[in-house]
Amino acid sequence: MLKKGVNLGSWLNPESYVLGGRNIPFCSFQKEFKKSYGEEELKYFCDNFRENYITQKDFEIMSSWGAKIIRLPIHFNFIEETPYNYNQKNIDFLKKVFVWAQNYNLQIILDLHASCGAQNRDWHSDSIGVANLWEYDSNKERTYRLWEFLVDTFKNDKSLYGYDILNEPVVENDEILLNFYEIIIDKISKIDVSHKIFFEGNMWGQKIDFLEKFFQKNHDKNVHVSIHTYAPINFTYNFRKNYYYPGKIDNENWNIEKIYEYLKPYSDFKKRNNIDLLVGEFGINPRNNAFGEINFLKDLLKVYEEYGFDWTYWTYKAVSNGTFPDGILQYNENPSWIRREGNIFGIENFYKEWATYKYEIIESWKTEKFEQNNFILEVLKLFF
């Protein structure tokens, strides 16, 4: 049976656009917040965000929709406080999350979304424009050790589904990534052979052919592939206005036949190597189906079903926005700390408005303040 579910984006690895703002790395936000309010208040902010943005109630909600798996993006420093020293309070919090999953018959994929040094140059890996995971062996070693620790900690948990080693890596030489994966698989396999391990392809989880070398040598490993499918991105993200589906998008005719064509190489790879394939991320900016985007989502899921792809939708909840994939649950209000009409909007207003509205801001993170986007949800529920 195929496994289908949802990403808990921006919870344990905050992302600025999900919180209504520009795509700045979270470390930049933390630096500015700390400058204004100090270390203790920053800790208060982060603790309250973690405690309020997602709760056990959200696991009940996702289960009620029919979801079976939860992809859980985490930042390496949520676990690693200083090099090779791990934050026991946050480890205990993560253990509590696994209990929530078990309570509602959900399973968790642990996803390292932001690695030590950053695996790409983008905001979602908390990068300030460099991918230093690939530049320093010390960063790789810390990542190996972090995974050894996580696997040893959670390998016996009944609600664990598997491990997503590295979200959207980007490195010039495929062999560097392949070597990284081979080392980390060797280390993990000495601890746990029961749970699935997912490799993401190079170039943001899209390029996977080079991974065939691994599967040709390692038929006995419980290793599988995860891809991300956001194409055609100018349509799904609403970057280029007034594209329609089905229709001509970026000089190509997009319809369900085109989706089959787009995904067939991944299906062929899956069959050749006799592995599972997880679409770890996909999503749309919904626009209430004014341009056929919900029809696109439905066709995409039909193709996943036929090709036998597991999937997790990006993302569970978000401050509603005009571009980028939106949440199934959306925050649609426009208080001063969102201020969509401003030169500064979303998360960067949090520290500007914190002194006056901190309690209101914390309240606004709660799921009860979000509205369900039925256009998205009703399609997902057809396939859960």
Protein backbone atom coordinates (compact mmCIF):
# COMPACT_ATOMS: atom_id res chain seq x y z
CA MET A 1 0.00 0.00 0.00
CA LEU A 2 1.31 3.47 -0.89
CA LYS A 3 2.23 5.82 1.94
CA LYS A 4 0.86 9.35 1.70
CA GLY A 5 1.01 12.33 4.00
CA VAL A 6 2.05 15.86 4.80
CA ASN A 7 5.14 17.94 5.54
CA LEU A 8 5.32 19.87 8.80
CA GLY A 9 7.26 22.65 7.11
CA SER A 10 8.70 25.55 9.12
CA TRP A 11 8.08 24.11 12.58
CA LEU A 12 11.46 22.74 13.67
CA ASN A 13 13.26 24.52 10.83
CA PRO A 14 11.52 27.91 10.45
CA GLU A 15 11.23 29.25 6.90
CA SER A 16 10.54 32.90 6.29
CA TYR A 17 8.15 32.65 3.35
CA VAL A 18 5.98 30.12 5.23
CA LEU A 19 5.74 32.77 7.95
CA GLY A 20 4.68 35.44 5.49
CA GLY A 21 8.00 37.11 4.74
CA ARG A 22 10.91 37.41 2.35
CA ASN A 23 13.15 34.40 1.90
CA ILE A 24 15.78 35.28 4.48
CA PRO A 25 17.65 32.58 6.41
CA PHE A 26 16.29 32.10 9.91
CA CYS A 27 19.72 32.80 11.38
CA SER A 28 19.43 36.37 10.00
CA PHE A 29 16.09 36.79 11.74
CA GLN A 30 17.55 35.45 14.98
CA LYS A 31 20.48 37.86 14.76
CA GLU A 32 18.20 40.88 14.39
CA PHE A 33 15.81 39.68 17.09
CA LYS A 34 18.67 39.09 19.50
CA LYS A 35 20.08 42.54 18.74
CA SER A 36 16.76 44.10 19.80
CA TYR A 37 15.74 41.87 22.72
CA GLY A 38 18.68 39.75 23.86
CA GLU A 39 19.42 36.04 24.10
CA GLU A 40 16.81 35.17 26.72
CA GLU A 41 13.95 36.76 24.80
CA LEU A 42 15.05 35.01 21.61
CA LYS A 43 14.89 31.72 23.50
CA TYR A 44 11.40 32.67 24.74
CA PHE A 45 10.36 33.39 21.14
CA CYS A 46 11.71 30.08 19.80
CA ASP A 47 10.28 28.01 22.66
CA ASN A 48 6.84 29.55 22.21
CA PHE A 49 6.91 29.07 18.47
CA ARG A 50 7.78 25.40 18.89
CA GLU A 51 5.12 24.86 21.55
CA ASN A 52 2.30 26.65 19.70
CA TYR A 53 2.80 26.28 15.95
CA ILE A 54 2.20 22.51 16.02
CA THR A 55 0.62 20.54 18.87
CA GLN A 56 -0.80 17.06 19.35
CA LYS A 57 -4.12 18.38 18.00
CA ASP A 58 -2.48 18.84 14.60
CA PHE A 59 -1.58 15.16 14.49
CA GLU A 60 -5.21 14.36 15.19
CA ILE A 61 -6.25 16.66 12.32
CA MET A 62 -3.82 15.13 9.82
CA SER A 63 -4.87 11.63 10.80
CA SER A 64 -8.54 12.56 10.35
CA TRP A 65 -7.79 13.56 6.76
CA GLY A 66 -6.36 10.10 6.08
CA ALA A 67 -2.65 10.94 6.14
CA LYS A 68 -0.35 8.07 7.11
CA ILE A 69 3.14 9.60 7.12
CA ILE A 70 4.53 12.91 8.33
CA ARG A 71 7.76 14.27 6.88
CA LEU A 72 9.33 16.25 9.71
CA PRO A 73 11.94 18.82 8.63
CA ILE A 74 14.47 19.62 11.35
CA HIS A 75 17.41 22.02 11.65
CA PHE A 76 20.66 20.40 12.77
CA ASN A 77 20.97 22.91 15.62
CA PHE A 78 17.59 21.88 16.97
CA ILE A 79 19.48 18.79 18.14
CA GLU A 80 23.14 19.86 18.17
CA GLU A 81 23.69 22.64 20.70
CA THR A 82 27.45 22.83 20.20
CA PRO A 83 29.65 20.48 18.16
CA TYR A 84 28.87 16.89 19.22
CA ASN A 85 26.80 18.06 22.20
CA TYR A 86 23.08 17.42 21.88
CA ASN A 87 20.21 19.36 23.43
CA GLN A 88 18.43 16.99 25.80
CA LYS A 89 15.38 19.24 26.17
CA ASN A 90 14.81 19.25 22.41
CA ILE A 91 15.49 15.53 22.15
CA ASP A 92 12.79 14.96 24.77
CA PHE A 93 10.46 17.25 22.81
CA LEU A 94 11.09 15.22 19.66
CA LYS A 95 10.35 12.02 21.57
CA LYS A 96 7.03 13.57 22.60
CA VAL A 97 6.28 14.27 18.93
CA PHE A 98 6.80 10.59 18.16
CA VAL A 99 4.27 9.75 20.88
CA TRP A 100 1.75 12.10 19.25
CA ALA A 101 2.29 10.29 15.96
CA GLN A 102 1.77 6.91 17.58
CA ASN A 103 -1.43 8.13 19.25
CA TYR A 104 -2.94 8.82 15.83
CA ASN A 105 -1.45 5.95 13.80
CA LEU A 106 0.96 8.19 11.96
CA GLN A 107 4.59 7.49 11.09
CA ILE A 108 7.41 10.00 10.89
CA ILE A 109 10.15 10.53 8.34
CA LEU A 110 12.97 12.48 9.98
CA ASP A 111 14.21 14.99 7.40
CA LEU A 112 17.50 16.86 7.89
CA HIS A 113 16.35 20.09 6.26
CA ALA A 114 19.25 22.30 7.32
CA SER A 115 22.60 20.56 7.80
CA CYS A 116 25.72 21.76 9.54
CA GLY A 117 27.23 24.33 7.15
CA ALA A 118 24.18 24.12 4.82
CA GLN A 119 23.83 21.66 1.91
CA ASN A 120 22.76 24.37 -0.56
CA ARG A 121 22.85 28.15 -0.74
CA ASP A 122 19.15 28.72 -0.10
CA TRP A 123 17.18 30.11 2.83
CA HIS A 124 15.53 26.77 3.62
CA SER A 125 18.90 25.28 4.59
CA ASP A 126 19.45 28.40 6.74
CA SER A 127 22.30 29.44 4.47
CA ILE A 128 23.65 32.96 4.13
CA GLY A 129 24.59 32.19 0.54
CA VAL A 130 27.18 29.43 0.89
CA ALA A 131 26.95 25.64 1.04
CA ASN A 132 29.69 24.91 3.55
CA LEU A 133 28.70 21.31 4.18
CA TRP A 134 30.71 20.50 1.05
CA GLU A 135 33.67 22.76 1.86
CA TYR A 136 34.69 21.47 5.28
CA ASP A 137 35.18 17.87 6.38
CA SER A 138 34.36 18.93 9.93
CA ASN A 139 30.81 19.79 8.81
CA LYS A 140 30.43 16.41 7.13
CA GLU A 141 31.71 14.64 10.24
CA ARG A 142 29.24 16.49 12.46
CA THR A 143 26.45 15.48 10.08
CA TYR A 144 27.51 11.83 10.17
CA ARG A 145 27.62 11.90 13.95
CA LEU A 146 24.25 13.66 14.18
CA TRP A 147 22.62 10.96 12.08
CA GLU A 148 24.26 8.21 14.10
CA PHE A 149 22.83 9.81 17.22
CA LEU A 150 19.33 10.28 15.76
CA VAL A 151 19.18 6.73 14.40
CA ASP A 152 20.36 5.23 17.67
CA THR A 153 17.84 7.34 19.60
CA PHE A 154 14.75 6.59 17.49
CA LYS A 155 15.45 3.23 15.82
CA ASN A 156 13.09 1.35 18.16
CA ASP A 157 10.25 3.84 18.03
CA LYS A 158 7.05 2.31 16.62
CA SER A 159 6.09 5.54 14.85
CA LEU A 160 9.36 5.88 12.93
CA TYR A 161 9.01 5.31 9.18
CA GLY A 162 12.47 6.30 8.01
CA TYR A 163 15.24 8.83 7.50
CA ASP A 164 15.53 11.51 4.80
CA ILE A 165 19.28 12.08 4.91
CA LEU A 166 19.57 15.51 3.32
CA ASN A 167 16.96 17.90 1.99
CA GLU A 168 17.61 19.31 -1.51
CA PRO A 169 21.41 19.04 -1.72
CA VAL A 170 23.16 21.12 -4.36
CA VAL A 171 26.78 20.33 -5.16
CA GLU A 172 28.71 20.80 -8.40
CA ASN A 173 30.06 17.25 -8.55
CA ASP A 174 27.61 14.36 -8.19
CA GLU A 175 30.43 12.14 -6.94
CA ILE A 176 30.86 14.31 -3.84
CA LEU A 177 27.24 13.71 -2.90
CA LEU A 178 27.42 10.02 -3.75
CA ASN A 179 30.50 9.59 -1.56
CA PHE A 180 28.77 11.45 1.29
CA TYR A 181 25.78 9.13 1.01
CA GLU A 182 27.92 5.98 0.90
CA ILE A 183 29.74 6.97 4.09
CA ILE A 184 26.58 7.86 5.95
CA ILE A 185 24.77 4.69 4.85
CA ASP A 186 27.65 2.58 6.10
CA LYS A 187 27.39 4.28 9.49
CA ILE A 188 23.60 4.10 9.76
CA SER A 189 23.43 0.48 8.61
CA LYS A 190 25.60 -0.56 11.55
CA ILE A 191 22.87 0.78 13.85
CA ASP A 192 19.56 0.19 12.05
CA VAL A 193 18.69 -1.93 9.00
CA SER A 194 14.94 -2.05 9.64
CA HIS A 195 13.87 1.45 8.61
CA LYS A 196 13.91 3.04 5.18
CA ILE A 197 16.68 5.47 4.32
CA PHE A 198 15.95 8.03 1.60
CA PHE A 199 18.49 9.67 -0.68
CA GLU A 200 17.48 12.92 -2.32
CA GLY A 201 18.95 13.64 -5.71
CA ASN A 202 21.31 16.47 -6.53
CA MET A 203 20.02 19.87 -7.70
CA TRP A 204 17.22 20.24 -5.15
CA GLY A 205 16.14 16.60 -5.22
CA GLN A 206 15.66 16.42 -8.99
CA LYS A 207 18.75 14.73 -10.48
CA ILE A 208 18.96 11.06 -9.50
CA ASP A 209 20.61 9.08 -12.32
CA PHE A 210 24.05 9.17 -10.66
CA LEU A 211 22.59 7.30 -7.65
CA GLU A 212 22.28 4.17 -9.80
CA LYS A 213 25.94 3.46 -9.05
CA PHE A 214 25.01 3.02 -5.39
CA PHE A 215 22.11 0.65 -6.05
CA GLN A 216 24.19 -1.48 -8.42
CA LYS A 217 26.57 -2.21 -5.54
CA ASN A 218 24.23 -2.23 -2.54
CA HIS A 219 21.20 -4.42 -3.19
CA ASP A 220 21.06 -5.46 0.46
CA LYS A 221 20.61 -1.94 1.88
CA ASN A 222 17.20 -0.55 2.88
CA VAL A 223 17.84 2.56 0.80
CA HIS A 224 15.33 4.35 -1.44
CA VAL A 225 15.02 7.63 -3.33
CA SER A 226 13.12 10.83 -2.64
CA ILE A 227 12.46 13.46 -5.28
CA HIS A 228 10.81 16.90 -5.26
CA THR A 229 8.47 17.76 -8.13
CA TYR A 230 7.50 21.41 -8.39
CA ALA A 231 7.61 21.76 -12.19
CA PRO A 232 6.40 23.79 -13.96
CA ILE A 233 7.54 26.13 -11.22
CA ASN A 234 6.35 29.38 -12.80
CA PHE A 235 2.83 27.92 -12.66
CA THR A 236 2.87 25.96 -9.40
CA TYR A 237 4.53 28.84 -7.50
CA ASN A 238 2.50 31.52 -9.34
CA PHE A 239 5.71 33.33 -10.32
CA ARG A 240 4.45 34.07 -13.81
CA LYS A 241 0.84 35.31 -13.73
CA ASN A 242 -2.05 34.11 -15.88
CA TYR A 243 -0.72 30.72 -16.90
CA TYR A 244 -3.52 28.18 -17.17
CA TYR A 245 -3.56 24.40 -16.77
CA PRO A 246 -4.04 22.61 -19.06
CA GLY A 247 -2.32 24.98 -21.39
CA LYS A 248 0.93 26.46 -22.62
CA ILE A 249 3.33 27.10 -19.74
CA ASP A 250 6.86 28.31 -20.46
CA ASN A 251 6.44 27.35 -24.14
CA GLU A 252 5.42 23.77 -23.35
CA ASN A 253 1.95 22.27 -23.44
CA TRP A 254 1.19 21.04 -19.94
CA ASN A 255 -1.56 18.47 -19.48
CA ILE A 256 -1.75 15.04 -17.87
CA GLU A 257 0.21 13.49 -20.73
CA LYS A 258 3.01 15.98 -20.08
CA ILE A 259 2.97 15.07 -16.37
CA TYR A 260 3.35 11.38 -17.28
CA GLU A 261 6.27 12.31 -19.51
CA TYR A 262 7.89 14.49 -16.84
CA LEU A 263 7.73 11.76 -14.18
CA LYS A 264 8.41 8.69 -16.33
CA PRO A 265 12.23 8.77 -15.91
CA TYR A 266 11.73 8.60 -12.13
CA SER A 267 9.31 5.71 -12.52
CA ASP A 268 11.78 3.90 -14.75
CA PHE A 269 14.56 4.44 -12.20
CA LYS A 270 12.32 3.06 -9.45
CA LYS A 271 11.56 -0.08 -11.45
CA ARG A 272 15.14 -0.69 -12.60
CA ASN A 273 16.48 -0.56 -9.08
CA ASN A 274 13.51 -2.19 -7.32
CA ILE A 275 13.18 0.57 -4.73
CA ASP A 276 10.53 2.82 -3.27
CA LEU A 277 10.22 6.35 -4.56
CA LEU A 278 8.95 9.09 -2.27
CA VAL A 279 7.88 12.47 -3.60
CA GLY A 280 9.01 14.24 -0.45
CA GLU A 281 7.81 17.65 -1.60
CA PHE A 282 5.33 19.01 -4.09
CA GLY A 283 2.75 21.74 -3.77
CA ILE A 284 0.90 24.57 -5.42
CA ASN A 285 -0.15 28.14 -4.86
CA PRO A 286 -3.90 27.45 -4.97
CA ARG A 287 -5.55 30.70 -6.18
CA ASN A 288 -8.93 28.96 -5.70
CA ASN A 289 -8.55 27.08 -8.99
CA ALA A 290 -8.93 30.26 -11.02
CA PHE A 291 -6.18 29.04 -13.36
CA GLY A 292 -6.68 25.27 -13.17
CA GLU A 293 -4.12 24.75 -10.42
CA ILE A 294 -6.37 22.34 -8.51
CA ASN A 295 -6.93 20.39 -11.71
CA PHE A 296 -3.14 20.21 -12.04
CA LEU A 297 -2.86 18.89 -8.47
CA LYS A 298 -5.47 16.23 -9.16
CA ASP A 299 -3.72 15.10 -12.35
CA LEU A 300 -0.34 15.06 -10.58
CA LEU A 301 -1.69 12.78 -7.86
CA LYS A 302 -3.26 10.49 -10.46
CA VAL A 303 0.16 10.03 -12.04
CA TYR A 304 1.83 9.44 -8.66
CA GLU A 305 -0.78 6.74 -8.03
CA GLU A 306 -0.20 5.00 -11.35
CA TYR A 307 3.58 5.12 -11.00
CA GLY A 308 3.41 3.87 -7.42
CA PHE A 309 5.00 6.91 -5.77
CA ASP A 310 4.60 7.60 -2.06
CA TRP A 311 4.20 11.32 -1.28
CA THR A 312 4.09 14.07 1.35
CA TYR A 313 2.48 17.40 0.45
CA TRP A 314 4.31 20.68 1.12
CA THR A 315 3.03 22.00 3.45
CA TYR A 316 0.59 21.56 6.35
CA LYS A 317 0.16 25.22 7.32
CA ALA A 318 1.47 28.61 6.25
CA VAL A 319 0.75 32.31 6.28
CA SER A 320 -1.21 32.64 3.03
CA ASN A 321 0.74 34.19 0.21
CA GLY A 322 0.54 35.06 -3.45
CA THR A 323 3.56 33.01 -4.50
CA PHE A 324 5.24 29.74 -3.49
CA PRO A 325 3.36 26.61 -2.37
CA ASP A 326 0.74 27.46 0.21
CA GLY A 327 -0.46 25.62 3.28
CA ILE A 328 -3.42 23.27 3.46
CA LEU A 329 -4.20 25.44 6.46
CA GLN A 330 -3.74 29.16 5.83
CA TYR A 331 -3.39 32.21 8.03
CA ASN A 332 -5.38 34.85 6.17
CA GLU A 333 -5.49 37.72 8.67
CA ASN A 334 -3.37 40.83 8.16
CA PRO A 335 -2.30 42.19 11.56
CA SER A 336 0.62 44.59 11.92
CA TRP A 337 3.12 41.73 12.25
CA ILE A 338 2.08 40.33 8.85
CA ARG A 339 1.31 43.61 7.04
CA ARG A 340 1.17 42.30 3.49
CA GLU A 341 0.90 45.85 2.13
CA GLY A 342 4.15 47.01 3.71
CA ASN A 343 7.72 47.32 2.47
CA ILE A 344 8.53 44.83 5.24
CA PHE A 345 6.07 41.98 5.64
CA GLY A 346 5.71 38.75 7.58
CA ILE A 347 8.44 37.37 9.80
CA GLU A 348 10.64 40.48 9.77
CA ASN A 349 7.78 42.35 11.42
CA PHE A 350 7.79 39.85 14.29
CA TYR A 351 10.73 41.50 15.99
CA LYS A 352 9.54 45.00 15.08
CA GLU A 353 6.16 44.36 16.72
CA TRP A 354 7.26 41.94 19.44
CA ALA A 355 7.49 44.42 22.31
CA THR A 356 3.89 45.55 21.77
CA TYR A 357 2.16 42.43 20.47
CA LYS A 358 4.16 39.42 21.65
CA TYR A 359 1.17 37.59 23.11
CA GLU A 360 -0.99 38.29 20.09
CA ILE A 361 1.77 37.07 17.80
CA ILE A 362 2.06 33.84 19.77
CA GLU A 363 -1.71 33.36 19.57
CA SER A 364 -1.61 33.88 15.80
CA TRP A 365 0.68 30.84 15.41
CA LYS A 366 -1.98 28.47 16.75
CA THR A 367 -3.78 26.25 14.26
CA GLU A 368 -7.17 27.49 15.47
CA LYS A 369 -6.28 30.85 13.88
CA PHE A 370 -5.77 29.21 10.47
CA GLU A 371 -8.43 28.46 7.87
CA GLN A 372 -8.69 25.24 5.89
CA ASN A 373 -8.15 25.52 2.14
CA ASN A 374 -10.77 23.11 0.90
CA PHE A 375 -9.63 23.41 -2.70
CA ILE A 376 -6.37 21.68 -1.76
CA LEU A 377 -7.67 19.44 0.98
CA GLU A 378 -10.55 17.89 -0.91
CA VAL A 379 -8.19 16.79 -3.69
CA LEU A 380 -5.65 15.35 -1.24
CA LYS A 381 -8.38 13.44 0.59
CA LEU A 382 -9.36 11.73 -2.66
CA PHE A 383 -5.93 10.10 -2.68
CA PHE A 384 -5.02 9.67 1.01
